[in-house]
Amino acid sequence: MTELEAELSRLARDLAEVRIERAIVKSPHIRCDGTARDALMRTLRAHSPLRLVCRVLEVSQRGYDAWQHRRPLAHAQEHARLDVAIQAAHVRTRQTYGPERL
């Protein structure tokens, strides 16, 4: 492979990455913060490499990996437990009371 062919191959790879980044930036969900960012990252990871998604959203890959393996916070666990309890109470009352009344 000549130098010219190697350069052409490198430029083709770079162009492919830029096209993916552009598609991510043009995504209608890109303007989000906080909790919406994790859902966006999961959606984008299905179609794009993690390295590109992290770079475009300005998130470090180490931080993303740490977040993925972190246990849920105590209040999130309590919220999930209450959701289950409310649904069970709703079924016990033959679905006559809504979550607001329970």
C-alpha atoms as a PDB file:
ATOM      1  CA  MET A   1       0.000   0.000   0.000  1.00  0.00           C
ATOM      2  CA  THR A   2       1.446   3.331  -0.989  1.00  0.00           C
ATOM      3  CA  GLU A   3       1.505   6.400   1.201  1.00  0.00           C
ATOM      4  CA  LEU A   4      -1.251   7.941  -0.886  1.00  0.00           C
ATOM      5  CA  GLU A   5      -3.505   4.908  -0.447  1.00  0.00           C
ATOM      6  CA  ALA A   6      -2.831   4.847   3.315  1.00  0.00           C
ATOM      7  CA  GLU A   7      -3.698   8.540   3.576  1.00  0.00           C
ATOM      8  CA  LEU A   8      -6.866   8.014   1.544  1.00  0.00           C
ATOM      9  CA  SER A   9      -7.893   5.148   3.839  1.00  0.00           C
ATOM     10  CA  ARG A  10      -7.265   7.270   6.956  1.00  0.00           C
ATOM     11  CA  LEU A  11      -9.278  10.159   5.513  1.00  0.00           C
ATOM     12  CA  ALA A  12     -12.166   7.821   4.669  1.00  0.00           C
ATOM     13  CA  ARG A  13     -12.237   6.590   8.301  1.00  0.00           C
ATOM     14  CA  ASP A  14     -12.126  10.175   9.585  1.00  0.00           C
ATOM     15  CA  LEU A  15     -14.978  11.167   7.268  1.00  0.00           C
ATOM     16  CA  ALA A  16     -17.079   8.255   8.516  1.00  0.00           C
ATOM     17  CA  GLU A  17     -16.512   9.368  12.130  1.00  0.00           C
ATOM     18  CA  VAL A  18     -17.433  12.965  11.313  1.00  0.00           C
ATOM     19  CA  ARG A  19     -20.639  11.813   9.617  1.00  0.00           C
ATOM     20  CA  ILE A  20     -21.595   9.813  12.713  1.00  0.00           C
ATOM     21  CA  GLU A  21     -20.813  12.782  14.982  1.00  0.00           C
ATOM     22  CA  ARG A  22     -22.918  15.047  12.770  1.00  0.00           C
ATOM     23  CA  ALA A  23     -25.830  12.608  12.952  1.00  0.00           C
ATOM     24  CA  ILE A  24     -25.557  12.570  16.752  1.00  0.00           C
ATOM     25  CA  VAL A  25     -25.492  16.367  16.982  1.00  0.00           C
ATOM     26  CA  LYS A  26     -28.489  16.678  14.651  1.00  0.00           C
ATOM     27  CA  SER A  27     -30.445  14.201  16.795  1.00  0.00           C
ATOM     28  CA  PRO A  28     -33.634  15.830  18.139  1.00  0.00           C
ATOM     29  CA  HIS A  29     -32.791  14.564  21.643  1.00  0.00           C
ATOM     30  CA  ILE A  30     -29.361  16.182  21.898  1.00  0.00           C
ATOM     31  CA  ARG A  31     -30.537  19.176  23.938  1.00  0.00           C
ATOM     32  CA  CYS A  32     -30.906  17.495  27.285  1.00  0.00           C
ATOM     33  CA  ASP A  33     -29.286  17.475  30.669  1.00  0.00           C
ATOM     34  CA  GLY A  34     -29.044  15.342  33.769  1.00  0.00           C
ATOM     35  CA  THR A  35     -31.268  12.279  33.771  1.00  0.00           C
ATOM     36  CA  ALA A  36     -32.230  12.563  30.115  1.00  0.00           C
ATOM     37  CA  ARG A  37     -28.576  12.232  29.086  1.00  0.00           C
ATOM     38  CA  ASP A  38     -28.342   8.589  30.202  1.00  0.00           C
ATOM     39  CA  ALA A  39     -31.351   7.620  28.085  1.00  0.00           C
ATOM     40  CA  LEU A  40     -29.892   9.520  25.150  1.00  0.00           C
ATOM     41  CA  MET A  41     -26.552   7.751  25.535  1.00  0.00           C
ATOM     42  CA  ARG A  42     -28.257   4.342  25.587  1.00  0.00           C
ATOM     43  CA  THR A  43     -30.180   5.208  22.431  1.00  0.00           C
ATOM     44  CA  LEU A  44     -27.155   6.568  20.594  1.00  0.00           C
ATOM     45  CA  ARG A  45     -24.920   3.654  21.623  1.00  0.00           C
ATOM     46  CA  ALA A  46     -27.162   1.316  19.654  1.00  0.00           C
ATOM     47  CA  HIS A  47     -26.119   3.088  16.441  1.00  0.00           C
ATOM     48  CA  SER A  48     -22.751   4.702  17.205  1.00  0.00           C
ATOM     49  CA  PRO A  49     -19.468   3.746  18.867  1.00  0.00           C
ATOM     50  CA  LEU A  50     -19.176   4.692  22.537  1.00  0.00           C
ATOM     51  CA  ARG A  51     -16.025   6.731  21.920  1.00  0.00           C
ATOM     52  CA  LEU A  52     -17.866   9.026  19.493  1.00  0.00           C
ATOM     53  CA  VAL A  53     -20.969   9.369  21.668  1.00  0.00           C
ATOM     54  CA  CYS A  54     -18.860  10.304  24.694  1.00  0.00           C
ATOM     55  CA  ARG A  55     -16.860  12.834  22.695  1.00  0.00           C
ATOM     56  CA  VAL A  56     -19.934  14.527  21.204  1.00  0.00           C
ATOM     57  CA  LEU A  57     -21.803  14.661  24.540  1.00  0.00           C
ATOM     58  CA  GLU A  58     -18.608  15.719  26.352  1.00  0.00           C
ATOM     59  CA  VAL A  59     -18.672  12.775  28.755  1.00  0.00           C
ATOM     60  CA  SER A  60     -15.566  10.815  29.687  1.00  0.00           C
ATOM     61  CA  GLN A  61     -15.618   7.114  28.893  1.00  0.00           C
ATOM     62  CA  ARG A  62     -14.364   6.291  32.390  1.00  0.00           C
ATOM     63  CA  GLY A  63     -17.123   8.367  33.941  1.00  0.00           C
ATOM     64  CA  TYR A  64     -19.719   6.677  31.752  1.00  0.00           C
ATOM     65  CA  ASP A  65     -18.409   3.211  32.676  1.00  0.00           C
ATOM     66  CA  ALA A  66     -18.417   4.123  36.382  1.00  0.00           C
ATOM     67  CA  TRP A  67     -21.990   5.389  36.095  1.00  0.00           C
ATOM     68  CA  GLN A  68     -23.066   2.155  34.357  1.00  0.00           C
ATOM     69  CA  HIS A  69     -21.730   0.017  37.223  1.00  0.00           C
ATOM     70  CA  ARG A  70     -22.911   2.235  40.078  1.00  0.00           C
ATOM     71  CA  ARG A  71     -25.670   0.966  42.371  1.00  0.00           C
ATOM     72  CA  PRO A  72     -28.927   2.951  42.368  1.00  0.00           C
ATOM     73  CA  LEU A  73     -29.217   5.658  45.004  1.00  0.00           C
ATOM     74  CA  ALA A  74     -31.216   4.944  48.159  1.00  0.00           C
ATOM     75  CA  HIS A  75     -34.033   7.323  47.235  1.00  0.00           C
ATOM     76  CA  ALA A  76     -34.311   5.708  43.776  1.00  0.00           C
ATOM     77  CA  GLN A  77     -34.621   2.290  45.399  1.00  0.00           C
ATOM     78  CA  GLU A  78     -37.264   3.629  47.787  1.00  0.00           C
ATOM     79  CA  HIS A  79     -39.158   5.210  44.890  1.00  0.00           C
ATOM     80  CA  ALA A  80     -39.189   1.886  43.017  1.00  0.00           C
ATOM     81  CA  ARG A  81     -40.394   0.078  46.160  1.00  0.00           C
ATOM     82  CA  LEU A  82     -43.220   2.587  46.611  1.00  0.00           C
ATOM     83  CA  ASP A  83     -44.265   2.222  42.967  1.00  0.00           C
ATOM     84  CA  VAL A  84     -44.662  -1.531  43.465  1.00  0.00           C
ATOM     85  CA  ALA A  85     -46.585  -1.013  46.726  1.00  0.00           C
ATOM     86  CA  ILE A  86     -48.965   1.484  45.080  1.00  0.00           C
ATOM     87  CA  GLN A  87     -49.600  -0.863  42.150  1.00  0.00           C
ATOM     88  CA  ALA A  88     -50.317  -3.734  44.561  1.00  0.00           C
ATOM     89  CA  ALA A  89     -52.730  -1.561  46.568  1.00  0.00           C
ATOM     90  CA  HIS A  90     -54.427  -0.521  43.328  1.00  0.00           C
ATOM     91  CA  VAL A  91     -55.013  -4.195  42.457  1.00  0.00           C
ATOM     92  CA  ARG A  92     -56.213  -4.988  46.022  1.00  0.00           C
ATOM     93  CA  THR A  93     -58.856  -2.254  45.821  1.00  0.00           C
ATOM     94  CA  ARG A  94     -60.119  -3.815  42.568  1.00  0.00           C
ATOM     95  CA  GLN A  95     -58.661  -0.824  40.708  1.00  0.00           C
ATOM     96  CA  THR A  96     -61.316   1.510  42.120  1.00  0.00           C
ATOM     97  CA  TYR A  97     -58.802   3.936  43.642  1.00  0.00           C
ATOM     98  CA  GLY A  98     -56.180   5.732  41.591  1.00  0.00           C
ATOM     99  CA  PRO A  99     -52.598   6.345  42.696  1.00  0.00           C
ATOM    100  CA  GLU A 100     -53.446   9.860  43.914  1.00  0.00           C
ATOM    101  CA  ARG A 101     -56.051   8.562  46.373  1.00  0.00           C
ATOM    102  CA  LEU A 102     -53.907   5.668  47.555  1.00  0.00           C
END
